[in-house]
Amino acid sequence: MSKDVIILKTPVFLSDILSFAMKNKLYIKKFEPLLLFGVIFFPGYLSQLVMESDPEMFNNAIMLFFYFITAVSQIFLIWYLIHMDNRIPPEVYGIVPIRKRTVLLSFPALVGVFITLIPVYVLSAIILVFTGYPEVEGIVWQFSNFPLLPIVLISCLTTGYLEELYFRSYLTTKMTFAGYSRNRIIILANLIFAVGHLYQGIAGLAGTFVIGIYLTFLFFIRRDIHLIAITHGLYNFTILVLSSFIPQ
């Protein structure tokens, strides 16, 4: 065989995989956000296309427990990757100590979320009235297991931290340092975020996109993961509690 021919060895054993990763870590680093999205969120994005969401899923304590365990593991994975980034300080990602003032600020920030959503839901209601198109509304949560409220609150806050840590803290910061303009970051990151809520119908998709933009601006202003994560979690919790008062 000619010496000019290069044989590419496919990494099979663990040592080969680790060696391949170390030699190509800069190349892999460019695709880290995509790989992370694929591991954490993409399976859920696919499942909503082939499976119907259960409106009563938050009434199930076992489901809430397993979700919490999974989400906390994913949160620590993102947290670890952020702290392993030697180029960008954690503070730029919004990783700062939680303060009492931040928790208090999350309540007016929550009011801001609902104010931001008013045009979206007014327009959705008009479309629904005049067209009768059922996909405008999407899933309507049916929460009724009130003894589970503390666990549901923890679950909602966990969701807030997971999604905000990736879509606002991690992804927007990575895109900023990759040279994307702020407008492109706001649109692209929140489109990806919104698509994961297709199961909520057109109104939910549009509402999620608007909420994402609002939280992104809040993140750019404050650079505090706790503020946007707690706001996000409180919004989810409020919607679930309100769902218990909606006639089925």
Protein backbone atom coordinates (compact mmCIF):
# COMPACT_ATOMS: atom_id res chain seq x y z
CA MET A 1 0.00 0.00 0.00
CA SER A 2 1.28 3.47 -0.87
CA LYS A 3 2.64 5.56 2.01
CA ASP A 4 0.66 8.53 0.65
CA VAL A 5 -2.64 6.87 1.52
CA ILE A 6 -4.06 8.03 4.84
CA ILE A 7 -6.14 5.52 6.75
CA LEU A 8 -8.74 7.09 9.05
CA LYS A 9 -9.21 5.05 12.16
CA THR A 10 -12.74 5.14 13.57
CA PRO A 11 -12.67 5.52 17.36
CA VAL A 12 -14.11 2.35 18.84
CA PHE A 13 -12.74 2.01 22.34
CA LEU A 14 -13.13 4.57 25.09
CA SER A 15 -9.45 5.57 24.91
CA ASP A 16 -9.83 6.20 21.17
CA ILE A 17 -12.93 8.33 21.73
CA LEU A 18 -11.23 10.40 24.43
CA SER A 19 -8.15 10.84 22.24
CA PHE A 20 -10.30 11.92 19.30
CA ALA A 21 -12.17 14.41 21.50
CA MET A 22 -8.98 15.95 22.89
CA LYS A 23 -7.44 16.39 19.45
CA ASN A 24 -10.57 17.96 18.04
CA LYS A 25 -11.92 19.82 21.09
CA LEU A 26 -11.92 23.23 19.38
CA TYR A 27 -13.94 21.79 16.49
CA ILE A 28 -16.32 20.04 18.87
CA LYS A 29 -16.64 23.21 20.97
CA LYS A 30 -18.27 25.01 18.04
CA PHE A 31 -21.03 22.42 17.98
CA GLU A 32 -21.44 22.20 21.76
CA PRO A 33 -24.71 24.23 21.85
CA LEU A 34 -26.20 22.00 19.15
CA LEU A 35 -25.05 18.82 20.87
CA LEU A 36 -26.43 20.03 24.19
CA PHE A 37 -29.77 20.93 22.61
CA GLY A 38 -29.91 17.49 21.00
CA VAL A 39 -29.30 15.72 24.29
CA ILE A 40 -31.65 17.76 26.47
CA PHE A 41 -34.46 19.20 24.36
CA PHE A 42 -34.64 17.55 20.93
CA PRO A 43 -36.28 14.29 22.11
CA GLY A 44 -39.08 16.33 23.68
CA TYR A 45 -39.46 18.41 20.52
CA LEU A 46 -39.91 15.22 18.50
CA SER A 47 -42.29 13.58 20.94
CA GLN A 48 -44.81 16.42 20.68
CA LEU A 49 -45.18 15.59 16.98
CA VAL A 50 -46.15 11.97 17.57
CA MET A 51 -47.62 11.95 21.09
CA GLU A 52 -50.39 13.96 22.71
CA SER A 53 -49.51 15.77 25.93
CA ASP A 54 -51.48 14.73 28.99
CA PRO A 55 -53.39 17.76 30.37
CA GLU A 56 -53.43 16.15 33.82
CA MET A 57 -49.74 15.23 33.98
CA PHE A 58 -49.06 17.66 36.84
CA ASN A 59 -51.47 15.73 39.04
CA ASN A 60 -49.08 12.76 39.06
CA ALA A 61 -46.52 12.86 41.91
CA ILE A 62 -44.36 10.10 40.41
CA MET A 63 -44.12 11.93 37.09
CA LEU A 64 -43.15 15.14 38.90
CA PHE A 65 -40.46 13.31 40.87
CA PHE A 66 -38.85 11.69 37.82
CA TYR A 67 -39.02 14.98 35.91
CA PHE A 68 -37.27 16.76 38.78
CA ILE A 69 -34.44 14.19 38.90
CA THR A 70 -33.93 14.39 35.13
CA ALA A 71 -34.10 18.19 34.94
CA VAL A 72 -31.70 18.73 37.85
CA SER A 73 -29.14 16.47 36.14
CA GLN A 74 -29.51 18.50 32.94
CA ILE A 75 -29.18 21.78 34.85
CA PHE A 76 -25.90 20.61 36.40
CA LEU A 77 -24.63 19.55 32.97
CA ILE A 78 -25.19 23.05 31.55
CA TRP A 79 -23.79 24.61 34.72
CA TYR A 80 -20.67 22.45 34.41
CA LEU A 81 -20.09 23.39 30.76
CA ILE A 82 -20.46 27.08 31.59
CA HIS A 83 -17.84 26.83 34.34
CA MET A 84 -15.55 24.86 32.03
CA ASP A 85 -15.53 27.73 29.53
CA ASN A 86 -12.19 29.46 30.11
CA ARG A 87 -12.93 32.26 27.64
CA ILE A 88 -16.09 33.65 29.21
CA PRO A 89 -16.49 34.38 32.95
CA PRO A 90 -19.57 32.78 34.59
CA GLU A 91 -20.88 36.27 35.44
CA VAL A 92 -21.30 36.99 31.72
CA TYR A 93 -23.58 33.95 31.58
CA GLY A 94 -25.56 35.48 34.43
CA ILE A 95 -24.22 32.99 36.96
CA VAL A 96 -24.28 35.15 40.08
CA PRO A 97 -25.22 34.54 43.73
CA ILE A 98 -28.95 34.60 44.38
CA ARG A 99 -30.11 37.58 46.42
CA LYS A 100 -33.32 38.39 48.29
CA ARG A 101 -33.78 41.44 46.05
CA THR A 102 -33.69 39.21 42.98
CA VAL A 103 -36.47 37.02 44.34
CA LEU A 104 -38.58 40.09 45.10
CA LEU A 105 -37.96 41.53 41.63
CA SER A 106 -39.27 38.33 40.04
CA PHE A 107 -42.84 39.23 41.07
CA PRO A 108 -43.05 42.54 39.14
CA ALA A 109 -41.19 40.77 36.33
CA LEU A 110 -43.99 38.17 36.35
CA VAL A 111 -46.57 40.94 36.01
CA GLY A 112 -44.54 42.16 33.02
CA VAL A 113 -44.88 38.71 31.40
CA PHE A 114 -48.67 38.85 31.57
CA ILE A 115 -48.77 42.43 30.27
CA THR A 116 -46.54 41.40 27.36
CA LEU A 117 -48.90 38.53 26.54
CA ILE A 118 -52.09 40.65 26.34
CA PRO A 119 -51.81 41.46 22.58
CA VAL A 120 -51.03 37.82 21.75
CA TYR A 121 -54.05 36.38 23.52
CA VAL A 122 -56.40 39.14 22.35
CA LEU A 123 -55.40 38.40 18.75
CA SER A 124 -55.71 34.64 19.36
CA ALA A 125 -59.22 35.11 20.79
CA ILE A 126 -60.26 37.14 17.75
CA ILE A 127 -58.91 34.49 15.37
CA LEU A 128 -60.66 31.74 17.34
CA VAL A 129 -64.01 33.58 17.33
CA PHE A 130 -63.99 34.39 13.62
CA THR A 131 -62.41 31.21 12.26
CA GLY A 132 -63.19 28.59 14.90
CA TYR A 133 -59.73 27.19 14.26
CA PRO A 134 -59.18 24.85 17.25
CA GLU A 135 -55.39 24.69 16.95
CA VAL A 136 -55.22 28.31 18.09
CA GLU A 137 -55.79 27.24 21.68
CA GLY A 138 -53.89 23.96 21.95
CA ILE A 139 -53.63 22.06 25.22
CA VAL A 140 -55.48 23.30 28.31
CA TRP A 141 -53.87 22.14 31.52
CA GLN A 142 -56.15 20.48 34.09
CA PHE A 143 -54.59 20.72 37.52
CA SER A 144 -56.67 19.58 40.50
CA ASN A 145 -54.37 17.78 42.95
CA PHE A 146 -53.88 20.67 45.39
CA PRO A 147 -51.87 18.70 48.00
CA LEU A 148 -49.16 18.51 45.32
CA LEU A 149 -48.89 22.32 45.03
CA PRO A 150 -45.48 22.57 46.78
CA ILE A 151 -44.07 19.83 44.52
CA VAL A 152 -45.60 21.48 41.46
CA LEU A 153 -44.00 24.79 42.44
CA ILE A 154 -40.60 23.09 42.73
CA SER A 155 -41.17 21.41 39.36
CA CYS A 156 -42.08 24.74 37.72
CA LEU A 157 -39.02 26.46 39.17
CA THR A 158 -36.86 23.56 37.97
CA THR A 159 -38.26 24.02 34.46
CA GLY A 160 -37.58 27.73 34.71
CA TYR A 161 -33.93 27.15 35.62
CA LEU A 162 -33.40 24.47 32.97
CA GLU A 163 -34.89 26.42 30.06
CA GLU A 164 -33.50 29.82 31.06
CA LEU A 165 -30.08 28.40 31.76
CA TYR A 166 -29.91 26.98 28.24
CA PHE A 167 -31.91 29.40 26.03
CA ARG A 168 -31.04 32.68 27.73
CA SER A 169 -27.85 32.23 29.78
CA TYR A 170 -25.96 29.67 27.71
CA LEU A 171 -27.23 29.99 24.13
CA THR A 172 -27.47 33.79 23.87
CA THR A 173 -24.00 34.18 25.39
CA LYS A 174 -22.50 31.60 23.02
CA MET A 175 -24.16 33.30 20.05
CA THR A 176 -22.91 36.71 21.19
CA PHE A 177 -19.31 35.51 21.32
CA ALA A 178 -19.79 33.74 17.97
CA GLY A 179 -20.44 37.13 16.39
CA TYR A 180 -24.23 37.11 15.99
CA SER A 181 -25.98 40.47 16.20
CA ARG A 182 -28.32 41.06 19.13
CA ASN A 183 -31.39 41.10 16.85
CA ARG A 184 -30.47 37.74 15.30
CA ILE A 185 -29.84 36.26 18.72
CA ILE A 186 -33.24 37.42 19.99
CA ILE A 187 -35.10 36.02 16.97
CA LEU A 188 -33.21 32.73 16.47
CA ALA A 189 -32.86 31.71 20.11
CA ASN A 190 -36.51 32.40 20.86
CA LEU A 191 -37.81 30.73 17.71
CA ILE A 192 -36.01 27.57 18.81
CA PHE A 193 -37.44 28.04 22.30
CA ALA A 194 -40.98 28.58 20.98
CA VAL A 195 -41.01 25.54 18.67
CA GLY A 196 -40.75 23.33 21.74
CA HIS A 197 -44.22 24.54 22.73
CA LEU A 198 -46.09 23.57 19.56
CA TYR A 199 -48.29 21.29 21.64
CA GLN A 200 -49.81 24.45 23.13
CA GLY A 201 -51.25 25.48 19.77
CA ILE A 202 -50.65 28.65 17.77
CA ALA A 203 -51.45 30.90 20.71
CA GLY A 204 -49.01 29.01 22.91
CA LEU A 205 -46.32 29.12 20.22
CA ALA A 206 -46.71 32.87 19.72
CA GLY A 207 -47.00 33.48 23.44
CA THR A 208 -43.85 31.50 24.18
CA PHE A 209 -41.96 33.44 21.52
CA VAL A 210 -43.06 36.75 23.06
CA ILE A 211 -42.23 35.56 26.59
CA GLY A 212 -38.81 34.45 25.36
CA ILE A 213 -38.11 37.90 23.88
CA TYR A 214 -39.21 39.56 27.12
CA LEU A 215 -36.98 37.31 29.24
CA THR A 216 -34.06 37.78 26.83
CA PHE A 217 -34.25 41.56 27.21
CA LEU A 218 -34.49 41.10 30.97
CA PHE A 219 -31.38 38.91 30.86
CA PHE A 220 -29.45 41.43 28.75
CA ILE A 221 -30.32 44.17 31.25
CA ARG A 222 -29.75 42.32 34.52
CA ARG A 223 -27.41 39.41 33.63
CA ASP A 224 -28.97 37.38 36.44
CA ILE A 225 -30.06 33.79 35.78
CA HIS A 226 -32.05 33.66 39.00
CA LEU A 227 -34.32 36.57 38.05
CA ILE A 228 -35.43 35.14 34.73
CA ALA A 229 -35.56 31.52 35.95
CA ILE A 230 -37.74 32.36 38.96
CA THR A 231 -39.97 34.59 36.81
CA HIS A 232 -40.36 31.77 34.29
CA GLY A 233 -41.12 29.24 37.02
CA LEU A 234 -43.69 31.49 38.70
CA TYR A 235 -45.40 32.05 35.35
CA ASN A 236 -45.73 28.30 34.75
CA PHE A 237 -47.00 27.79 38.30
CA THR A 238 -49.56 30.60 37.97
CA ILE A 239 -50.92 29.17 34.72
CA LEU A 240 -51.30 25.72 36.29
CA VAL A 241 -53.09 27.07 39.34
CA LEU A 242 -55.41 29.18 37.19
CA SER A 243 -56.20 26.10 35.10
CA SER A 244 -57.90 24.55 38.14
CA PHE A 245 -60.56 27.27 37.97
CA ILE A 246 -61.31 26.84 34.26
CA PRO A 247 -64.45 24.76 33.59
CA GLN A 248 -63.59 21.62 31.63
